[in-house]
Every structure is written in C-alpha cells, then in structure tokens.
Amino acid sequence: MEAKIYDHVPNSGIVHMPGRSFPAVAIQGDTLSTMLSSAISFMDMAKKHADEDMYYEALMLAERLKGHLIHYEEVLIKEGFDKPYIMNIKDLEFEQEFQNT
C-alpha cells in the first residue's frame, strides 16, 4: 500500500490513499487529541449554557475523535511508537444524556 503525499504543513498533510477517490487530510495524533479536548470543553460549555443541541453535537464529535484516537494508539503500539500526548483515551467516558448543571 502506497499513499501519495500532495502537500504538508505543520501538524497535517494532504494524502491520497490507494483505492480512495479523493485525497484526505492526515492530522497528527497530538493535534487530534487537542481537538478531542476541545470537543469535551464544548460539552461542558453546553451544559453550563443549557444548550442541549450543542451538547449532543459535541458528544458526537468527541465520540468520533475518540474512535480515531483509539485506532491511532493501537497502530502506535503495534509499530513500537510512544503516543505523543498524555490523555488516557480508552478510559474516557462521556455522559450520553444531557443533564443541565
């Protein structure tokens, strides 16, 4: 399997994976973990502002990012890399129901 790299900037790049019609954005794992932290912060803000819609949108984003990071960590372990962040992704649990604080 060989990917074509079209461009790269700090923390991301544009790559074309074999078998895919369109190129993708490849984001560094530490940047992805920061994005997850932001999604979690949005969930907290949504609770404080009693914004149920924002909470569920942020929850969906957090769950998707968590899934990507779990897979990322599995590949890092398999290939012998340390993870570039300290957050314990697998142990993160999100409240599935909106509860205004």
PDB file of N, CA and C in Angstrom:
ATOM      1  N   MET A   1       0.857  -1.174   0.000  1.00  0.00           N
ATOM      2  CA  MET A   1       0.000   0.000   0.000  1.00  0.00           C
ATOM      3  C   MET A   1       0.899   1.232   0.000  1.00  0.00           C
ATOM      4  N   GLU A   2       0.621   2.144  -0.913  1.00  0.00           N
ATOM      5  CA  GLU A   2       1.422   3.353  -1.000  1.00  0.00           C
ATOM      6  C   GLU A   2       0.497   4.557  -1.126  1.00  0.00           C
ATOM      7  N   ALA A   3       0.724   5.556  -0.285  1.00  0.00           N
ATOM      8  CA  ALA A   3      -0.058   6.786  -0.338  1.00  0.00           C
ATOM      9  C   ALA A   3       0.752   7.866  -1.034  1.00  0.00           C
ATOM     10  N   LYS A   4       0.055   8.730  -1.747  1.00  0.00           N
ATOM     11  CA  LYS A   4       0.719   9.861  -2.396  1.00  0.00           C
ATOM     12  C   LYS A   4       0.523  11.093  -1.519  1.00  0.00           C
ATOM     13  N   ILE A   5       1.623  11.773  -1.211  1.00  0.00           N
ATOM     14  CA  ILE A   5       1.557  12.996  -0.411  1.00  0.00           C
ATOM     15  C   ILE A   5       1.550  14.184  -1.361  1.00  0.00           C
ATOM     16  N   TYR A   6       0.496  14.978  -1.307  1.00  0.00           N
ATOM     17  CA  TYR A   6       0.380  16.152  -2.168  1.00  0.00           C
ATOM     18  C   TYR A   6       0.978  17.394  -1.525  1.00  0.00           C
ATOM     19  N   ASP A   7       0.770  17.546  -0.232  1.00  0.00           N
ATOM     20  CA  ASP A   7       1.252  18.742   0.456  1.00  0.00           C
ATOM     21  C   ASP A   7       1.262  18.459   1.950  1.00  0.00           C
ATOM     22  N   HIS A   8       2.063  19.215   2.663  1.00  0.00           N
ATOM     23  CA  HIS A   8       2.051  19.102   4.119  1.00  0.00           C
ATOM     24  C   HIS A   8       2.383  20.447   4.734  1.00  0.00           C
ATOM     25  N   VAL A   9       1.785  20.671   5.858  1.00  0.00           N
ATOM     26  CA  VAL A   9       2.039  21.845   6.687  1.00  0.00           C
ATOM     27  C   VAL A   9       2.237  21.312   8.095  1.00  0.00           C
ATOM     28  N   PRO A  10       2.694  22.127   9.019  1.00  0.00           N
ATOM     29  CA  PRO A  10       2.844  21.603  10.379  1.00  0.00           C
ATOM     30  C   PRO A  10       1.548  20.959  10.885  1.00  0.00           C
ATOM     31  N   ASN A  11       1.666  19.764  11.390  1.00  0.00           N
ATOM     32  CA  ASN A  11       0.588  19.006  12.027  1.00  0.00           C
ATOM     33  C   ASN A  11      -0.453  18.393  11.095  1.00  0.00           C
ATOM     34  N   SER A  12      -0.299  18.545   9.771  1.00  0.00           N
ATOM     35  CA  SER A  12      -1.238  17.882   8.866  1.00  0.00           C
ATOM     36  C   SER A  12      -0.660  17.803   7.459  1.00  0.00           C
ATOM     37  N   GLY A  13      -1.298  16.990   6.638  1.00  0.00           N
ATOM     38  CA  GLY A  13      -0.883  16.856   5.249  1.00  0.00           C
ATOM     39  C   GLY A  13      -2.045  16.396   4.397  1.00  0.00           C
ATOM     40  N   ILE A  14      -1.902  16.560   3.092  1.00  0.00           N
ATOM     41  CA  ILE A  14      -2.907  16.097   2.148  1.00  0.00           C
ATOM     42  C   ILE A  14      -2.347  14.843   1.481  1.00  0.00           C
ATOM     43  N   VAL A  15      -3.020  13.714   1.692  1.00  0.00           N
ATOM     44  CA  VAL A  15      -2.541  12.435   1.166  1.00  0.00           C
ATOM     45  C   VAL A  15      -3.657  11.743   0.391  1.00  0.00           C
ATOM     46  N   HIS A  16      -3.255  10.941  -0.593  1.00  0.00           N
ATOM     47  CA  HIS A  16      -4.221  10.170  -1.372  1.00  0.00           C
ATOM     48  C   HIS A  16      -3.957   8.693  -1.103  1.00  0.00           C
ATOM     49  N   MET A  17      -4.890   8.066  -0.420  1.00  0.00           N
ATOM     50  CA  MET A  17      -4.765   6.664  -0.058  1.00  0.00           C
ATOM     51  C   MET A  17      -5.192   5.788  -1.231  1.00  0.00           C
ATOM     52  N   PRO A  18      -4.531   4.662  -1.419  1.00  0.00           N
ATOM     53  CA  PRO A  18      -4.901   3.743  -2.506  1.00  0.00           C
ATOM     54  C   PRO A  18      -6.362   3.304  -2.380  1.00  0.00           C
ATOM     55  N   GLY A  19      -7.040   3.255  -3.496  1.00  0.00           N
ATOM     56  CA  GLY A  19      -8.421   2.795  -3.509  1.00  0.00           C
ATOM     57  C   GLY A  19      -9.448   3.863  -3.181  1.00  0.00           C
ATOM     58  N   ARG A  20      -9.008   5.044  -2.815  1.00  0.00           N
ATOM     59  CA  ARG A  20      -9.932   6.127  -2.485  1.00  0.00           C
ATOM     60  C   ARG A  20     -10.039   7.087  -3.661  1.00  0.00           C
ATOM     61  N   SER A  21     -11.218   7.649  -3.875  1.00  0.00           N
ATOM     62  CA  SER A  21     -11.421   8.573  -4.990  1.00  0.00           C
ATOM     63  C   SER A  21     -10.804   9.942  -4.745  1.00  0.00           C
ATOM     64  N   PHE A  22     -10.792  10.365  -3.491  1.00  0.00           N
ATOM     65  CA  PHE A  22     -10.339  11.709  -3.174  1.00  0.00           C
ATOM     66  C   PHE A  22      -9.229  11.683  -2.129  1.00  0.00           C
ATOM     67  N   PRO A  23      -8.353  12.684  -2.159  1.00  0.00           N
ATOM     68  CA  PRO A  23      -7.321  12.801  -1.122  1.00  0.00           C
ATOM     69  C   PRO A  23      -7.949  13.066   0.250  1.00  0.00           C
ATOM     70  N   ALA A  24      -7.153  12.858   1.279  1.00  0.00           N
ATOM     71  CA  ALA A  24      -7.592  13.050   2.659  1.00  0.00           C
ATOM     72  C   ALA A  24      -6.663  14.026   3.371  1.00  0.00           C
ATOM     73  N   VAL A  25      -7.129  14.517   4.484  1.00  0.00           N
ATOM     74  CA  VAL A  25      -6.295  15.330   5.363  1.00  0.00           C
ATOM     75  C   VAL A  25      -5.782  14.404   6.458  1.00  0.00           C
ATOM     76  N   ALA A  26      -4.479  14.298   6.594  1.00  0.00           N
ATOM     77  CA  ALA A  26      -3.868  13.496   7.663  1.00  0.00           C
ATOM     78  C   ALA A  26      -3.469  14.453   8.783  1.00  0.00           C
ATOM     79  N   ILE A  27      -3.977  14.204   9.972  1.00  0.00           N
ATOM     80  CA  ILE A  27      -3.736  15.087  11.119  1.00  0.00           C
ATOM     81  C   ILE A  27      -2.878  14.358  12.142  1.00  0.00           C
ATOM     82  N   GLN A  28      -1.897  15.039  12.687  1.00  0.00           N
ATOM     83  CA  GLN A  28      -1.026  14.469  13.718  1.00  0.00           C
ATOM     84  C   GLN A  28      -1.854  14.041  14.933  1.00  0.00           C
ATOM     85  N   GLY A  29      -1.437  12.976  15.594  1.00  0.00           N
ATOM     86  CA  GLY A  29      -2.163  12.443  16.744  1.00  0.00           C
ATOM     87  C   GLY A  29      -2.290  13.416  17.892  1.00  0.00           C
ATOM     88  N   ASP A  30      -1.232  14.188  18.171  1.00  0.00           N
ATOM     89  CA  ASP A  30      -1.327  15.145  19.273  1.00  0.00           C
ATOM     90  C   ASP A  30      -2.324  16.251  18.945  1.00  0.00           C
ATOM     91  N   THR A  31      -2.411  16.632  17.680  1.00  0.00           N
ATOM     92  CA  THR A  31      -3.398  17.626  17.261  1.00  0.00           C
ATOM     93  C   THR A  31      -4.804  17.054  17.401  1.00  0.00           C
ATOM     94  N   LEU A  32      -4.974  15.800  17.041  1.00  0.00           N
ATOM     95  CA  LEU A  32      -6.271  15.139  17.176  1.00  0.00           C
ATOM     96  C   LEU A  32      -6.692  15.057  18.644  1.00  0.00           C
ATOM     97  N   SER A  33      -5.744  14.790  19.540  1.00  0.00           N
ATOM     98  CA  SER A  33      -6.078  14.729  20.968  1.00  0.00           C
ATOM     99  C   SER A  33      -6.477  16.108  21.492  1.00  0.00           C
ATOM    100  N   THR A  34      -5.862  17.162  20.966  1.00  0.00           N
ATOM    101  CA  THR A  34      -6.241  18.526  21.344  1.00  0.00           C
ATOM    102  C   THR A  34      -7.652  18.834  20.851  1.00  0.00           C
ATOM    103  N   MET A  35      -7.984  18.359  19.660  1.00  0.00           N
ATOM    104  CA  MET A  35      -9.339  18.545  19.135  1.00  0.00           C
ATOM    105  C   MET A  35     -10.361  17.817  20.011  1.00  0.00           C
ATOM    106  N   LEU A  36     -10.006  16.634  20.505  1.00  0.00           N
ATOM    107  CA  LEU A  36     -10.889  15.902  21.412  1.00  0.00           C
ATOM    108  C   LEU A  36     -11.083  16.691  22.704  1.00  0.00           C
ATOM    109  N   SER A  37     -10.015  17.251  23.240  1.00  0.00           N
ATOM    110  CA  SER A  37     -10.129  18.078  24.452  1.00  0.00           C
ATOM    111  C   SER A  37     -11.070  19.253  24.220  1.00  0.00           C
ATOM    112  N   SER A  38     -10.996  19.855  23.041  1.00  0.00           N
ATOM    113  CA  SER A  38     -11.898  20.966  22.710  1.00  0.00           C
ATOM    114  C   SER A  38     -13.346  20.497  22.655  1.00  0.00           C
ATOM    115  N   ALA A  39     -13.597  19.337  22.057  1.00  0.00           N
ATOM    116  CA  ALA A  39     -14.960  18.802  21.992  1.00  0.00           C
ATOM    117  C   ALA A  39     -15.506  18.559  23.397  1.00  0.00           C
ATOM    118  N   ILE A  40     -14.663  18.054  24.286  1.00  0.00           N
ATOM    119  CA  ILE A  40     -15.080  17.832  25.679  1.00  0.00           C
ATOM    120  C   ILE A  40     -15.397  19.163  26.349  1.00  0.00           C
ATOM    121  N   SER A  41     -14.593  20.188  26.083  1.00  0.00           N
ATOM    122  CA  SER A  41     -14.860  21.526  26.627  1.00  0.00           C
ATOM    123  C   SER A  41     -16.186  22.069  26.112  1.00  0.00           C
ATOM    124  N   PHE A  42     -16.489  21.832  24.821  1.00  0.00           N
ATOM    125  CA  PHE A  42     -17.766  22.278  24.262  1.00  0.00           C
ATOM    126  C   PHE A  42     -18.930  21.578  24.957  1.00  0.00           C
ATOM    127  N   MET A  43     -18.751  20.306  25.300  1.00  0.00           N
ATOM    128  CA  MET A  43     -19.797  19.587  26.028  1.00  0.00           C
ATOM    129  C   MET A  43     -20.046  20.250  27.379  1.00  0.00           C
ATOM    130  N   ASP A  44     -18.968  20.600  28.082  1.00  0.00           N
ATOM    131  CA  ASP A  44     -19.092  21.267  29.383  1.00  0.00           C
ATOM    132  C   ASP A  44     -19.769  22.632  29.244  1.00  0.00           C
ATOM    133  N   MET A  45     -19.372  23.395  28.221  1.00  0.00           N
ATOM    134  CA  MET A  45     -19.986  24.710  27.993  1.00  0.00           C
ATOM    135  C   MET A  45     -21.468  24.572  27.669  1.00  0.00           C
ATOM    136  N   ALA A  46     -21.806  23.559  26.894  1.00  0.00           N
ATOM    137  CA  ALA A  46     -23.209  23.347  26.535  1.00  0.00           C
ATOM    138  C   ALA A  46     -24.050  23.091  27.777  1.00  0.00           C
ATOM    139  N   LYS A  47     -23.506  22.327  28.720  1.00  0.00           N
ATOM    140  CA  LYS A  47     -24.232  22.078  29.966  1.00  0.00           C
ATOM    141  C   LYS A  47     -24.426  23.373  30.741  1.00  0.00           C
ATOM    142  N   LYS A  48     -23.359  24.164  30.837  1.00  0.00           N
ATOM    143  CA  LYS A  48     -23.433  25.422  31.595  1.00  0.00           C
ATOM    144  C   LYS A  48     -24.432  26.391  30.984  1.00  0.00           C
ATOM    145  N   HIS A  49     -24.595  26.342  29.661  1.00  0.00           N
ATOM    146  CA  HIS A  49     -25.499  27.259  28.968  1.00  0.00           C
ATOM    147  C   HIS A  49     -26.838  26.610  28.621  1.00  0.00           C
ATOM    148  N   ALA A  50     -27.069  25.431  29.167  1.00  0.00           N
ATOM    149  CA  ALA A  50     -28.328  24.701  28.957  1.00  0.00           C
ATOM    150  C   ALA A  50     -28.650  24.542  27.472  1.00  0.00           C
ATOM    151  N   ASP A  51     -27.628  24.238  26.684  1.00  0.00           N
ATOM    152  CA  ASP A  51     -27.790  24.080  25.235  1.00  0.00           C
ATOM    153  C   ASP A  51     -27.693  22.595  24.879  1.00  0.00           C
ATOM    154  N   GLU A  52     -28.838  21.944  24.888  1.00  0.00           N
ATOM    155  CA  GLU A  52     -28.884  20.500  24.657  1.00  0.00           C
ATOM    156  C   GLU A  52     -28.410  20.123  23.249  1.00  0.00           C
ATOM    157  N   ASP A  53     -28.793  20.908  22.238  1.00  0.00           N
ATOM    158  CA  ASP A  53     -28.367  20.613  20.866  1.00  0.00           C
ATOM    159  C   ASP A  53     -26.851  20.670  20.731  1.00  0.00           C
ATOM    160  N   MET A  54     -26.251  21.713  21.302  1.00  0.00           N
ATOM    161  CA  MET A  54     -24.792  21.836  21.245  1.00  0.00           C
ATOM    162  C   MET A  54     -24.126  20.666  21.967  1.00  0.00           C
ATOM    163  N   TYR A  55     -24.712  20.253  23.079  1.00  0.00           N
ATOM    164  CA  TYR A  55     -24.149  19.135  23.838  1.00  0.00           C
ATOM    165  C   TYR A  55     -24.079  17.872  22.978  1.00  0.00           C
ATOM    166  N   TYR A  56     -25.176  17.540  22.315  1.00  0.00           N
ATOM    167  CA  TYR A  56     -25.195  16.303  21.534  1.00  0.00           C
ATOM    168  C   TYR A  56     -24.309  16.385  20.292  1.00  0.00           C
ATOM    169  N   GLU A  57     -24.201  17.559  19.692  1.00  0.00           N
ATOM    170  CA  GLU A  57     -23.271  17.725  18.567  1.00  0.00           C
ATOM    171  C   GLU A  57     -21.830  17.533  19.037  1.00  0.00           C
ATOM    172  N   ALA A  58     -21.490  18.140  20.175  1.00  0.00           N
ATOM    173  CA  ALA A  58     -20.137  17.994  20.722  1.00  0.00           C
ATOM    174  C   ALA A  58     -19.875  16.551  21.147  1.00  0.00           C
ATOM    175  N   LEU A  59     -20.893  15.887  21.684  1.00  0.00           N
ATOM    176  CA  LEU A  59     -20.764  14.481  22.074  1.00  0.00           C
ATOM    177  C   LEU A  59     -20.469  13.609  20.859  1.00  0.00           C
ATOM    178  N   MET A  60     -21.191  13.823  19.766  1.00  0.00           N
ATOM    179  CA  MET A  60     -20.941  13.035  18.552  1.00  0.00           C
ATOM    180  C   MET A  60     -19.522  13.264  18.042  1.00  0.00           C
ATOM    181  N   LEU A  61     -19.071  14.514  18.076  1.00  0.00           N
ATOM    182  CA  LEU A  61     -17.710  14.831  17.648  1.00  0.00           C
ATOM    183  C   LEU A  61     -16.695  14.155  18.563  1.00  0.00           C
ATOM    184  N   ALA A  62     -16.899  14.248  19.874  1.00  0.00           N
ATOM    185  CA  ALA A  62     -15.976  13.638  20.835  1.00  0.00           C
ATOM    186  C   ALA A  62     -15.898  12.124  20.639  1.00  0.00           C
ATOM    187  N   GLU A  63     -17.038  11.483  20.425  1.00  0.00           N
ATOM    188  CA  GLU A  63     -17.033  10.030  20.228  1.00  0.00           C
ATOM    189  C   GLU A  63     -16.289   9.632  18.956  1.00  0.00           C
ATOM    190  N   ARG A  64     -16.481  10.412  17.888  1.00  0.00           N
ATOM    191  CA  ARG A  64     -15.790  10.109  16.628  1.00  0.00           C
ATOM    192  C   ARG A  64     -14.280  10.301  16.788  1.00  0.00           C
ATOM    193  N   LEU A  65     -13.872  11.393  17.420  1.00  0.00           N
ATOM    194  CA  LEU A  65     -12.441  11.641  17.631  1.00  0.00           C
ATOM    195  C   LEU A  65     -11.834  10.570  18.533  1.00  0.00           C
ATOM    196  N   LYS A  66     -12.568  10.179  19.572  1.00  0.00           N
ATOM    197  CA  LYS A  66     -12.086   9.121  20.460  1.00  0.00           C
ATOM    198  C   LYS A  66     -11.855   7.834  19.675  1.00  0.00           C
ATOM    199  N   GLY A  67     -12.780   7.482  18.799  1.00  0.00           N
ATOM    200  CA  GLY A  67     -12.624   6.279  17.984  1.00  0.00           C
ATOM    201  C   GLY A  67     -11.377   6.328  17.116  1.00  0.00           C
ATOM    202  N   HIS A  68     -11.135   7.483  16.491  1.00  0.00           N
ATOM    203  CA  HIS A  68      -9.926   7.635  15.672  1.00  0.00           C
ATOM    204  C   HIS A  68      -8.667   7.503  16.530  1.00  0.00           C
ATOM    205  N   LEU A  69      -8.697   8.095  17.715  1.00  0.00           N
ATOM    206  CA  LEU A  69      -7.515   8.049  18.583  1.00  0.00           C
ATOM    207  C   LEU A  69      -7.268   6.655  19.145  1.00  0.00           C
ATOM    208  N   ILE A  70      -8.314   5.909  19.430  1.00  0.00           N
ATOM    209  CA  ILE A  70      -8.128   4.529  19.892  1.00  0.00           C
ATOM    210  C   ILE A  70      -7.428   3.718  18.804  1.00  0.00           C
ATOM    211  N   HIS A  71      -7.884   3.850  17.572  1.00  0.00           N
ATOM    212  CA  HIS A  71      -7.240   3.136  16.468  1.00  0.00           C
ATOM    213  C   HIS A  71      -5.799   3.615  16.286  1.00  0.00           C
ATOM    214  N   TYR A  72      -5.585   4.915  16.374  1.00  0.00           N
ATOM    215  CA  TYR A  72      -4.247   5.501  16.270  1.00  0.00           C
ATOM    216  C   TYR A  72      -3.310   4.885  17.312  1.00  0.00           C
ATOM    217  N   GLU A  73      -3.783   4.797  18.563  1.00  0.00           N
ATOM    218  CA  GLU A  73      -2.959   4.226  19.633  1.00  0.00           C
ATOM    219  C   GLU A  73      -2.666   2.752  19.381  1.00  0.00           C
ATOM    220  N   GLU A  74      -3.632   2.011  18.864  1.00  0.00           N
ATOM    221  CA  GLU A  74      -3.398   0.594  18.553  1.00  0.00           C
ATOM    222  C   GLU A  74      -2.283   0.442  17.523  1.00  0.00           C
ATOM    223  N   VAL A  75      -2.282   1.303  16.511  1.00  0.00           N
ATOM    224  CA  VAL A  75      -1.234   1.261  15.484  1.00  0.00           C
ATOM    225  C   VAL A  75       0.107   1.670  16.082  1.00  0.00           C
ATOM    226  N   LEU A  76       0.117   2.700  16.931  1.00  0.00           N
ATOM    227  CA  LEU A  76       1.369   3.117  17.572  1.00  0.00           C
ATOM    228  C   LEU A  76       1.988   1.965  18.360  1.00  0.00           C
ATOM    229  N   ILE A  77       1.171   1.275  19.140  1.00  0.00           N
ATOM    230  CA  ILE A  77       1.664   0.142  19.932  1.00  0.00           C
ATOM    231  C   ILE A  77       2.226  -0.935  19.010  1.00  0.00           C
ATOM    232  N   LYS A  78       1.467  -1.276  17.982  1.00  0.00           N
ATOM    233  CA  LYS A  78       1.886  -2.317  17.033  1.00  0.00           C
ATOM    234  C   LYS A  78       3.218  -1.977  16.370  1.00  0.00           C
ATOM    235  N   GLU A  79       3.429  -0.701  16.069  1.00  0.00           N
ATOM    236  CA  GLU A  79       4.636  -0.268  15.363  1.00  0.00           C
ATOM    237  C   GLU A  79       5.755   0.191  16.293  1.00  0.00           C
ATOM    238  N   GLY A  80       5.530   0.148  17.617  1.00  0.00           N
ATOM    239  CA  GLY A  80       6.580   0.470  18.577  1.00  0.00           C
ATOM    240  C   GLY A  80       6.791   1.945  18.868  1.00  0.00           C
ATOM    241  N   PHE A  81       5.753   2.760  18.668  1.00  0.00           N
ATOM    242  CA  PHE A  81       5.847   4.194  18.958  1.00  0.00           C
ATOM    243  C   PHE A  81       5.197   4.513  20.295  1.00  0.00           C
ATOM    244  N   ASP A  82       5.701   5.543  20.966  1.00  0.00           N
ATOM    245  CA  ASP A  82       5.021   6.110  22.127  1.00  0.00           C
ATOM    246  C   ASP A  82       3.955   7.067  21.618  1.00  0.00           C
ATOM    247  N   LYS A  83       2.890   7.255  22.406  1.00  0.00           N
ATOM    248  CA  LYS A  83       1.892   8.229  21.978  1.00  0.00           C
ATOM    249  C   LYS A  83       2.386   9.636  22.330  1.00  0.00           C
ATOM    250  N   PRO A  84       2.040  10.634  21.514  1.00  0.00           N
ATOM    251  CA  PRO A  84       2.569  11.981  21.700  1.00  0.00           C
ATOM    252  C   PRO A  84       1.725  12.869  22.619  1.00  0.00           C
ATOM    253  N   TYR A  85       0.919  12.276  23.473  1.00  0.00           N
ATOM    254  CA  TYR A  85       0.074  13.028  24.400  1.00  0.00           C
ATOM    255  C   TYR A  85      -0.119  12.175  25.643  1.00  0.00           C
ATOM    256  N   ILE A  86      -0.609  12.801  26.729  1.00  0.00           N
ATOM    257  CA  ILE A  86      -0.739  12.063  27.989  1.00  0.00           C
ATOM    258  C   ILE A  86      -2.171  11.601  28.282  1.00  0.00           C
ATOM    259  N   MET A  87      -3.141  12.126  27.561  1.00  0.00           N
ATOM    260  CA  MET A  87      -4.537  11.768  27.792  1.00  0.00           C
ATOM    261  C   MET A  87      -4.732  10.257  27.638  1.00  0.00           C
ATOM    262  N   ASN A  88      -5.491   9.656  28.569  1.00  0.00           N
ATOM    263  CA  ASN A  88      -5.801   8.230  28.501  1.00  0.00           C
ATOM    264  C   ASN A  88      -7.124   8.066  27.745  1.00  0.00           C
ATOM    265  N   ILE A  89      -7.032   7.852  26.456  1.00  0.00           N
ATOM    266  CA  ILE A  89      -8.194   7.860  25.568  1.00  0.00           C
ATOM    267  C   ILE A  89      -9.172   6.725  25.871  1.00  0.00           C
ATOM    268  N   LYS A  90      -8.679   5.512  26.038  1.00  0.00           N
ATOM    269  CA  LYS A  90      -9.572   4.356  26.217  1.00  0.00           C
ATOM    270  C   LYS A  90     -10.435   4.467  27.464  1.00  0.00           C
ATOM    271  N   ASP A  91      -9.943   5.160  28.492  1.00  0.00           N
ATOM    272  CA  ASP A  91     -10.700   5.278  29.737  1.00  0.00           C
ATOM    273  C   ASP A  91     -11.681   6.447  29.747  1.00  0.00           C
ATOM    274  N   LEU A  92     -11.674   7.268  28.704  1.00  0.00           N
ATOM    275  CA  LEU A  92     -12.609   8.392  28.643  1.00  0.00           C
ATOM    276  C   LEU A  92     -14.029   7.876  28.492  1.00  0.00           C
ATOM    277  N   GLU A  93     -14.914   8.389  29.312  1.00  0.00           N
ATOM    278  CA  GLU A  93     -16.329   8.060  29.196  1.00  0.00           C
ATOM    279  C   GLU A  93     -17.108   9.357  29.134  1.00  0.00           C
ATOM    280  N   PHE A  94     -18.067   9.419  28.235  1.00  0.00           N
ATOM    281  CA  PHE A  94     -18.868  10.621  28.054  1.00  0.00           C
ATOM    282  C   PHE A  94     -20.281  10.367  28.551  1.00  0.00           C
ATOM    283  N   GLU A  95     -20.864  11.386  29.181  1.00  0.00           N
ATOM    284  CA  GLU A  95     -22.266  11.288  29.584  1.00  0.00           C
ATOM    285  C   GLU A  95     -23.113  11.247  28.323  1.00  0.00           C
ATOM    286  N   GLN A  96     -23.913  10.206  28.178  1.00  0.00           N
ATOM    287  CA  GLN A  96     -24.721  10.030  26.974  1.00  0.00           C
ATOM    288  C   GLN A  96     -26.016  10.838  27.012  1.00  0.00           C
ATOM    289  N   GLU A  97     -26.427  11.252  28.189  1.00  0.00           N
ATOM    290  CA  GLU A  97     -27.665  12.017  28.334  1.00  0.00           C
ATOM    291  C   GLU A  97     -27.344  13.429  28.793  1.00  0.00           C
ATOM    292  N   PHE A  98     -28.006  14.395  28.193  1.00  0.00           N
ATOM    293  CA  PHE A  98     -27.822  15.794  28.561  1.00  0.00           C
ATOM    294  C   PHE A  98     -28.418  16.031  29.933  1.00  0.00           C
ATOM    295  N   GLN A  99     -27.604  16.562  30.813  1.00  0.00           N
ATOM    296  CA  GLN A  99     -28.070  16.940  32.145  1.00  0.00           C
ATOM    297  C   GLN A  99     -27.529  18.328  32.420  1.00  0.00           C
ATOM    298  N   ASN A 100     -28.415  19.289  32.447  1.00  0.00           N
ATOM    299  CA  ASN A 100     -28.020  20.666  32.685  1.00  0.00           C
ATOM    300  C   ASN A 100     -27.510  20.817  34.115  1.00  0.00           C
ATOM    301  N   THR A 101     -26.358  21.502  34.263  1.00  0.00           N
ATOM    302  CA  THR A 101     -25.812  21.712  35.614  1.00  0.00           C
ATOM    303  C   THR A 101     -26.156  23.076  36.131  1.00  0.00           C
TER     304      THR A 101
END
